[in-house]
Amino acid sequence: MPERRVWVRFLADRAGLVRSNERMILLFLLLLSIAALAVFLHYTTLVLEGLPEPIPTEPIGP
């Protein structure tokens, strides 16, 4: 029976390790998505700043 307890303890330790790895993967994906959002917003503002004004402020014509 002591052999069985060692085996169960080993499996429990491995399950804890897998959960820890899953947390690290989720944290990495969260940081990656935040970085992607920051890049997306940065380039969106650059594009929007480059667009012409919808209503011209200067009079058209002579």
Protein backbone atom coordinates (compact mmCIF):
# COMPACT_ATOMS: atom_id res chain seq x y z
CA MET A 1 0.00 0.00 0.00
CA PRO A 2 2.79 2.55 0.63
CA GLU A 3 3.71 2.25 -3.06
CA ARG A 4 0.19 3.26 -4.03
CA ARG A 5 0.35 6.35 -1.81
CA VAL A 6 3.58 7.45 -3.46
CA TRP A 7 1.99 6.99 -6.91
CA VAL A 8 -1.12 8.99 -5.92
CA ARG A 9 1.03 11.76 -4.46
CA PHE A 10 3.10 11.87 -7.67
CA LEU A 11 -0.04 12.20 -9.80
CA ALA A 12 -1.38 14.95 -7.53
CA ASP A 13 1.90 16.84 -7.86
CA ARG A 14 1.75 16.51 -11.65
CA ALA A 15 -1.83 17.84 -11.69
CA GLY A 16 -0.69 20.89 -9.73
CA LEU A 17 2.11 21.46 -12.20
CA VAL A 18 -0.28 21.31 -15.14
CA ARG A 19 -2.59 23.83 -13.50
CA SER A 20 0.39 26.12 -12.92
CA ASN A 21 1.39 25.86 -16.58
CA GLU A 22 -2.16 26.64 -17.67
CA ARG A 23 -2.10 29.79 -15.54
CA MET A 24 1.15 30.88 -17.14
CA ILE A 25 -0.30 30.31 -20.61
CA LEU A 26 -3.40 32.31 -19.73
CA LEU A 27 -1.27 35.13 -18.34
CA PHE A 28 0.85 35.13 -21.51
CA LEU A 29 -2.26 35.25 -23.70
CA LEU A 30 -3.70 38.09 -21.62
CA LEU A 31 -0.51 40.14 -21.95
CA LEU A 32 -0.34 39.37 -25.66
CA SER A 33 -3.92 40.52 -26.19
CA ILE A 34 -3.26 43.76 -24.26
CA ALA A 35 -0.20 44.44 -26.41
CA ALA A 36 -2.19 43.72 -29.59
CA LEU A 37 -4.93 46.10 -28.45
CA ALA A 38 -2.37 48.84 -27.76
CA VAL A 39 -0.84 48.43 -31.22
CA PHE A 40 -4.28 48.41 -32.85
CA LEU A 41 -5.31 51.62 -31.06
CA HIS A 42 -2.00 53.29 -31.90
CA TYR A 43 -2.31 52.62 -35.63
CA THR A 44 -6.01 53.48 -35.62
CA THR A 45 -5.25 56.93 -34.20
CA LEU A 46 -2.50 57.41 -36.77
CA VAL A 47 -4.90 56.61 -39.60
CA LEU A 48 -7.66 58.80 -38.20
CA GLU A 49 -5.31 61.75 -37.74
CA GLY A 50 -4.27 61.45 -41.38
CA LEU A 51 -7.81 61.74 -42.72
CA PRO A 52 -8.95 65.11 -44.07
CA GLU A 53 -11.42 67.25 -42.13
CA PRO A 54 -15.03 66.40 -43.00
CA ILE A 55 -16.08 70.08 -43.09
CA PRO A 56 -13.51 72.41 -44.62
CA THR A 57 -12.75 75.42 -42.45
CA GLU A 58 -11.62 77.56 -45.40
CA PRO A 59 -14.07 78.89 -47.97
CA ILE A 60 -14.11 77.04 -51.27
CA GLY A 61 -13.51 79.02 -54.46
CA PRO A 62 -12.16 82.49 -55.21
